Amino acid sequence: MYYAGIGSRDTPEDIGVIMTKLAIELESLGWCLRSGGARGADTFFERGVSDPTNKQIFLHKEVTKTHVHNPVEGIYNASRCKDWDWAMQLASEVHPKWHKCNKDAQGLHARNVYQVLGTGSPKLSTSNMVICWAIPDIHGVPEGGTRTAWKVAERYNISRYNLAVRADRERITKWLESRKVYEQRES
C-alpha cells in the first residue's frame, strides 16, 4: 500500500515529529512512502523510512539540492516517466494558475501527480491516502504546491488528511497513540 507524505517546506518542527513517527509506523505495517524530496514535510516523512524499497521520492529533474535520481535508493526523476506528458496535463487541469507557472514550477506540480497516482496505470498503483501539512485556504484546500496533490487525490477519491487542520491532526495522533508509537519514540 502507498501513501503520499507531503506538505509545506515551512512545516513546524512539532508537526515534523508526528510525520516522522507516522512514517516509521506505516513502514512497519508495510506501507510505501511517496514524496517529493523537498525540505520540510517531505524530509520529515522521509526521515522515518529506513528501507529505500519502502519509499518513492519523485523529483522533477535529475538532480535537486537534496537528491539525485537513483532508483536503487527509491529516488526517481519523474520527468523520465513515459507518461510525463499525462502528468503535466493533469497538473495543468487542477492548478488554478498554470499559465503563470514557469517550466520548473510546472515540473514540480507534475511530479506531485506521481506522489498521488504512482507511475503507469493509476488503477494499479494509486496511493491509498495523502497526509500533509499545509495552510488551507478558506475552502479547506491546502495552499502552495501541496494543493496540486490534494486536488488530484480529490479527483480520484483518495483520502486526504491535513495536519494543519486540528481534526485531522487529532485523528492521526490518536491513531499513533493507540499503537503506542507516540510514547515509545518520545525519548
C-alpha atoms as a PDB file:
ATOM      1  CA  MET A   1       0.000   0.000   0.000  1.00  0.00           C
ATOM      2  CA  TYR A   2       1.118   3.547  -0.735  1.00  0.00           C
ATOM      3  CA  TYR A   3       0.655   6.919   0.914  1.00  0.00           C
ATOM      4  CA  ALA A   4       1.739  10.371  -0.136  1.00  0.00           C
ATOM      5  CA  GLY A   5       3.599  12.102   2.702  1.00  0.00           C
ATOM      6  CA  ILE A   6       3.933  15.695   1.561  1.00  0.00           C
ATOM      7  CA  GLY A   7       3.422  19.312   2.518  1.00  0.00           C
ATOM      8  CA  SER A   8       4.879  22.713   3.073  1.00  0.00           C
ATOM      9  CA  ARG A   9       8.569  23.477   3.250  1.00  0.00           C
ATOM     10  CA  ASP A  10       7.600  25.542   6.315  1.00  0.00           C
ATOM     11  CA  THR A  11       6.144  22.616   8.276  1.00  0.00           C
ATOM     12  CA  PRO A  12       6.626  23.268  12.019  1.00  0.00           C
ATOM     13  CA  GLU A  13       9.074  21.026  13.859  1.00  0.00           C
ATOM     14  CA  ASP A  14       6.402  19.612  16.210  1.00  0.00           C
ATOM     15  CA  ILE A  15       4.339  18.524  13.203  1.00  0.00           C
ATOM     16  CA  GLY A  16       7.511  17.094  11.672  1.00  0.00           C
ATOM     17  CA  VAL A  17       7.912  14.851  14.711  1.00  0.00           C
ATOM     18  CA  ILE A  18       4.408  13.478  14.089  1.00  0.00           C
ATOM     19  CA  MET A  19       5.215  12.941  10.406  1.00  0.00           C
ATOM     20  CA  THR A  20       8.398  11.029  11.154  1.00  0.00           C
ATOM     21  CA  LYS A  21       6.684   8.830  13.747  1.00  0.00           C
ATOM     22  CA  LEU A  22       3.850   8.186  11.334  1.00  0.00           C
ATOM     23  CA  ALA A  23       6.294   7.179   8.589  1.00  0.00           C
ATOM     24  CA  ILE A  24       8.063   4.790  10.984  1.00  0.00           C
ATOM     25  CA  GLU A  25       4.791   3.154  11.949  1.00  0.00           C
ATOM     26  CA  LEU A  26       3.399   2.954   8.430  1.00  0.00           C
ATOM     27  CA  GLU A  27       6.634   1.380   7.179  1.00  0.00           C
ATOM     28  CA  SER A  28       6.400  -1.249   9.930  1.00  0.00           C
ATOM     29  CA  LEU A  29       2.938  -2.090   8.565  1.00  0.00           C
ATOM     30  CA  GLY A  30       4.238  -2.472   5.007  1.00  0.00           C
ATOM     31  CA  TRP A  31       3.282   0.929   3.598  1.00  0.00           C
ATOM     32  CA  CYS A  32       5.422   2.692   0.996  1.00  0.00           C
ATOM     33  CA  LEU A  33       6.002   6.456   1.208  1.00  0.00           C
ATOM     34  CA  ARG A  34       5.646   8.636  -1.858  1.00  0.00           C
ATOM     35  CA  SER A  35       7.023  12.133  -1.549  1.00  0.00           C
ATOM     36  CA  GLY A  36       8.927  14.850  -3.376  1.00  0.00           C
ATOM     37  CA  GLY A  37      12.279  15.224  -1.643  1.00  0.00           C
ATOM     38  CA  ALA A  38      11.763  18.857  -0.642  1.00  0.00           C
ATOM     39  CA  ARG A  39      12.776  20.267   2.728  1.00  0.00           C
ATOM     40  CA  GLY A  40      10.106  20.496   5.390  1.00  0.00           C
ATOM     41  CA  ALA A  41       7.266  17.960   5.310  1.00  0.00           C
ATOM     42  CA  ASP A  42       8.843  15.739   2.648  1.00  0.00           C
ATOM     43  CA  THR A  43      12.054  15.491   4.651  1.00  0.00           C
ATOM     44  CA  PHE A  44      10.214  14.732   7.902  1.00  0.00           C
ATOM     45  CA  PHE A  45       8.356  11.843   6.275  1.00  0.00           C
ATOM     46  CA  GLU A  46      11.436  10.506   4.515  1.00  0.00           C
ATOM     47  CA  ARG A  47      13.366  10.548   7.796  1.00  0.00           C
ATOM     48  CA  GLY A  48      11.003   7.879   9.129  1.00  0.00           C
ATOM     49  CA  VAL A  49      11.654   5.395   6.321  1.00  0.00           C
ATOM     50  CA  SER A  50      14.612   3.091   6.939  1.00  0.00           C
ATOM     51  CA  ASP A  51      14.426   0.814   3.876  1.00  0.00           C
ATOM     52  CA  PRO A  52      14.766   2.509   0.461  1.00  0.00           C
ATOM     53  CA  THR A  53      12.429  -0.086  -1.072  1.00  0.00           C
ATOM     54  CA  ASN A  54       9.679   1.444   1.102  1.00  0.00           C
ATOM     55  CA  LYS A  55       9.852   4.879  -0.481  1.00  0.00           C
ATOM     56  CA  GLN A  56       9.351   6.510  -3.845  1.00  0.00           C
ATOM     57  CA  ILE A  57      10.731  10.027  -3.958  1.00  0.00           C
ATOM     58  CA  PHE A  58       9.665  11.788  -7.150  1.00  0.00           C
ATOM     59  CA  LEU A  59      11.905  14.615  -8.316  1.00  0.00           C
ATOM     60  CA  HIS A  60      11.004  16.981 -11.142  1.00  0.00           C
ATOM     61  CA  LYS A  61      14.503  16.796 -12.599  1.00  0.00           C
ATOM     62  CA  GLU A  62      17.660  14.689 -12.425  1.00  0.00           C
ATOM     63  CA  VAL A  63      19.321  16.492  -9.509  1.00  0.00           C
ATOM     64  CA  THR A  64      17.887  18.715  -6.767  1.00  0.00           C
ATOM     65  CA  LYS A  65      19.541  20.343  -3.755  1.00  0.00           C
ATOM     66  CA  THR A  66      18.921  17.241  -1.643  1.00  0.00           C
ATOM     67  CA  HIS A  67      18.522  14.281  -4.032  1.00  0.00           C
ATOM     68  CA  VAL A  68      19.888  12.682  -7.196  1.00  0.00           C
ATOM     69  CA  HIS A  69      17.915  10.310  -9.434  1.00  0.00           C
ATOM     70  CA  ASN A  70      18.783   6.848  -8.099  1.00  0.00           C
ATOM     71  CA  PRO A  71      16.085   4.149  -8.406  1.00  0.00           C
ATOM     72  CA  VAL A  72      18.092   1.767  -6.184  1.00  0.00           C
ATOM     73  CA  GLU A  73      17.580   4.287  -3.367  1.00  0.00           C
ATOM     74  CA  GLY A  74      13.917   4.860  -4.253  1.00  0.00           C
ATOM     75  CA  ILE A  75      14.581   8.256  -5.866  1.00  0.00           C
ATOM     76  CA  TYR A  76      13.113   8.887  -9.324  1.00  0.00           C
ATOM     77  CA  ASN A  77      13.305  11.690 -11.856  1.00  0.00           C
ATOM     78  CA  ALA A  78       9.592  11.876 -12.672  1.00  0.00           C
ATOM     79  CA  SER A  79      10.267  13.707 -15.935  1.00  0.00           C
ATOM     80  CA  ARG A  80      11.800  10.444 -17.236  1.00  0.00           C
ATOM     81  CA  CYS A  81       8.499   8.583 -16.804  1.00  0.00           C
ATOM     82  CA  LYS A  82       6.893   7.532 -20.052  1.00  0.00           C
ATOM     83  CA  ASP A  83       3.625   9.197 -19.025  1.00  0.00           C
ATOM     84  CA  TRP A  84       5.193  12.581 -18.080  1.00  0.00           C
ATOM     85  CA  ASP A  85       3.015  14.411 -20.612  1.00  0.00           C
ATOM     86  CA  TRP A  86      -0.069  12.926 -18.937  1.00  0.00           C
ATOM     87  CA  ALA A  87       1.180  14.100 -15.514  1.00  0.00           C
ATOM     88  CA  MET A  88       1.817  17.598 -16.880  1.00  0.00           C
ATOM     89  CA  GLN A  89      -1.681  17.661 -18.384  1.00  0.00           C
ATOM     90  CA  LEU A  90      -3.362  16.502 -15.160  1.00  0.00           C
ATOM     91  CA  ALA A  91      -1.390  19.029 -13.097  1.00  0.00           C
ATOM     92  CA  SER A  92      -2.445  21.786 -15.508  1.00  0.00           C
ATOM     93  CA  GLU A  93      -6.101  20.797 -15.070  1.00  0.00           C
ATOM     94  CA  VAL A  94      -6.057  21.100 -11.270  1.00  0.00           C
ATOM     95  CA  HIS A  95      -3.714  24.090 -10.902  1.00  0.00           C
ATOM     96  CA  PRO A  96      -5.696  27.354 -10.857  1.00  0.00           C
ATOM     97  CA  LYS A  97      -2.932  29.488 -12.438  1.00  0.00           C
ATOM     98  CA  TRP A  98      -0.958  27.004 -14.513  1.00  0.00           C
ATOM     99  CA  HIS A  99      -0.261  29.549 -17.242  1.00  0.00           C
ATOM    100  CA  LYS A 100       1.608  31.723 -14.717  1.00  0.00           C
ATOM    101  CA  CYS A 101       3.989  28.918 -13.674  1.00  0.00           C
ATOM    102  CA  ASN A 102       7.424  28.737 -15.262  1.00  0.00           C
ATOM    103  CA  LYS A 103       8.692  25.401 -16.625  1.00  0.00           C
ATOM    104  CA  ASP A 104      10.448  24.484 -13.351  1.00  0.00           C
ATOM    105  CA  ALA A 105       7.318  25.175 -11.289  1.00  0.00           C
ATOM    106  CA  GLN A 106       5.201  23.182 -13.736  1.00  0.00           C
ATOM    107  CA  GLY A 107       7.612  20.265 -13.298  1.00  0.00           C
ATOM    108  CA  LEU A 108       7.260  20.456  -9.522  1.00  0.00           C
ATOM    109  CA  HIS A 109       3.470  20.332  -9.813  1.00  0.00           C
ATOM    110  CA  ALA A 110       3.585  17.452 -12.318  1.00  0.00           C
ATOM    111  CA  ARG A 111       5.807  15.386 -10.024  1.00  0.00           C
ATOM    112  CA  ASN A 112       3.075  15.783  -7.378  1.00  0.00           C
ATOM    113  CA  VAL A 113       0.790  13.740  -9.641  1.00  0.00           C
ATOM    114  CA  TYR A 114       3.129  10.753  -9.235  1.00  0.00           C
ATOM    115  CA  GLN A 115       3.131  11.147  -5.459  1.00  0.00           C
ATOM    116  CA  VAL A 116      -0.610  10.515  -5.536  1.00  0.00           C
ATOM    117  CA  LEU A 117      -1.084   8.196  -8.509  1.00  0.00           C
ATOM    118  CA  GLY A 118       2.278   6.499  -8.954  1.00  0.00           C
ATOM    119  CA  THR A 119       3.569   5.611 -12.394  1.00  0.00           C
ATOM    120  CA  GLY A 120       1.824   3.583 -15.045  1.00  0.00           C
ATOM    121  CA  SER A 121      -1.845   2.809 -14.682  1.00  0.00           C
ATOM    122  CA  PRO A 122      -3.335   4.766 -11.750  1.00  0.00           C
ATOM    123  CA  LYS A 123      -5.665   1.863 -11.015  1.00  0.00           C
ATOM    124  CA  LEU A 124      -2.659  -0.351 -10.223  1.00  0.00           C
ATOM    125  CA  SER A 125      -0.620   1.947  -8.017  1.00  0.00           C
ATOM    126  CA  THR A 126      -2.760   4.770  -6.674  1.00  0.00           C
ATOM    127  CA  SER A 127      -1.815   5.988  -3.208  1.00  0.00           C
ATOM    128  CA  ASN A 128      -4.335   4.989  -0.566  1.00  0.00           C
ATOM    129  CA  MET A 129      -4.120   8.325   1.243  1.00  0.00           C
ATOM    130  CA  VAL A 130      -2.452  11.708   1.291  1.00  0.00           C
ATOM    131  CA  ILE A 131      -1.094  13.076   4.568  1.00  0.00           C
ATOM    132  CA  CYS A 132       0.279  16.591   4.589  1.00  0.00           C
ATOM    133  CA  TRP A 133       0.772  19.808   6.476  1.00  0.00           C
ATOM    134  CA  ALA A 134      -0.066  22.957   4.548  1.00  0.00           C
ATOM    135  CA  ILE A 135      -2.052  26.048   5.432  1.00  0.00           C
ATOM    136  CA  PRO A 136      -5.563  25.595   3.993  1.00  0.00           C
ATOM    137  CA  ASP A 137      -7.434  28.265   2.063  1.00  0.00           C
ATOM    138  CA  ILE A 138     -10.958  29.365   3.042  1.00  0.00           C
ATOM    139  CA  HIS A 139     -12.350  26.229   1.357  1.00  0.00           C
ATOM    140  CA  GLY A 140     -10.078  23.887   3.315  1.00  0.00           C
ATOM    141  CA  VAL A 141      -7.791  23.157   0.364  1.00  0.00           C
ATOM    142  CA  PRO A 142      -4.044  23.317   1.098  1.00  0.00           C
ATOM    143  CA  GLU A 143      -2.174  26.202  -0.437  1.00  0.00           C
ATOM    144  CA  GLY A 144       1.065  26.042  -2.396  1.00  0.00           C
ATOM    145  CA  GLY A 145       2.363  23.025  -4.264  1.00  0.00           C
ATOM    146  CA  THR A 146       0.567  20.646  -1.910  1.00  0.00           C
ATOM    147  CA  ARG A 147      -2.676  21.882  -3.436  1.00  0.00           C
ATOM    148  CA  THR A 148      -1.927  20.058  -6.703  1.00  0.00           C
ATOM    149  CA  ALA A 149      -1.519  16.690  -4.983  1.00  0.00           C
ATOM    150  CA  TRP A 150      -4.611  17.361  -2.844  1.00  0.00           C
ATOM    151  CA  LYS A 151      -6.767  18.198  -5.877  1.00  0.00           C
ATOM    152  CA  VAL A 152      -5.521  15.134  -7.787  1.00  0.00           C
ATOM    153  CA  ALA A 153      -6.341  12.967  -4.757  1.00  0.00           C
ATOM    154  CA  GLU A 154      -9.763  14.583  -4.527  1.00  0.00           C
ATOM    155  CA  ARG A 155     -10.401  13.839  -8.216  1.00  0.00           C
ATOM    156  CA  TYR A 156      -9.555  10.164  -7.637  1.00  0.00           C
ATOM    157  CA  ASN A 157     -11.484   9.900  -4.321  1.00  0.00           C
ATOM    158  CA  ILE A 158      -8.350   9.290  -2.264  1.00  0.00           C
ATOM    159  CA  SER A 159      -8.478  10.010   1.479  1.00  0.00           C
ATOM    160  CA  ARG A 160      -6.751  13.233   2.484  1.00  0.00           C
ATOM    161  CA  TYR A 161      -5.522  14.396   5.896  1.00  0.00           C
ATOM    162  CA  ASN A 162      -4.008  17.800   6.566  1.00  0.00           C
ATOM    163  CA  LEU A 163      -2.140  18.026   9.868  1.00  0.00           C
ATOM    164  CA  ALA A 164      -2.676  21.807   9.780  1.00  0.00           C
ATOM    165  CA  VAL A 165      -6.352  21.019  10.401  1.00  0.00           C
ATOM    166  CA  ARG A 166      -6.977  20.236  14.053  1.00  0.00           C
ATOM    167  CA  ALA A 167      -9.450  17.375  13.480  1.00  0.00           C
ATOM    168  CA  ASP A 168      -7.082  15.618  11.048  1.00  0.00           C
ATOM    169  CA  ARG A 169      -4.087  16.117  13.351  1.00  0.00           C
ATOM    170  CA  GLU A 170      -6.036  14.723  16.329  1.00  0.00           C
ATOM    171  CA  ARG A 171      -7.166  11.715  14.308  1.00  0.00           C
ATOM    172  CA  ILE A 172      -3.587  10.888  13.276  1.00  0.00           C
ATOM    173  CA  THR A 173      -2.076  11.426  16.746  1.00  0.00           C
ATOM    174  CA  LYS A 174      -4.817   9.320  18.375  1.00  0.00           C
ATOM    175  CA  TRP A 175      -4.039   6.526  15.932  1.00  0.00           C
ATOM    176  CA  LEU A 176      -0.329   6.764  16.766  1.00  0.00           C
ATOM    177  CA  GLU A 177      -1.133   6.764  20.489  1.00  0.00           C
ATOM    178  CA  SER A 178      -3.357   3.710  20.059  1.00  0.00           C
ATOM    179  CA  ARG A 179      -0.400   1.896  18.514  1.00  0.00           C
ATOM    180  CA  LYS A 180       1.873   3.003  21.385  1.00  0.00           C
ATOM    181  CA  VAL A 181       4.130   4.756  18.903  1.00  0.00           C
ATOM    182  CA  TYR A 182       3.817   8.205  20.354  1.00  0.00           C
ATOM    183  CA  GLU A 183       5.081   7.292  23.818  1.00  0.00           C
ATOM    184  CA  GLN A 184       7.723   4.766  22.688  1.00  0.00           C
ATOM    185  CA  ARG A 185       9.541   7.148  20.409  1.00  0.00           C
ATOM    186  CA  GLU A 186       9.357  10.301  22.507  1.00  0.00           C
ATOM    187  CA  SER A 187      12.728   9.642  24.136  1.00  0.00           C
END
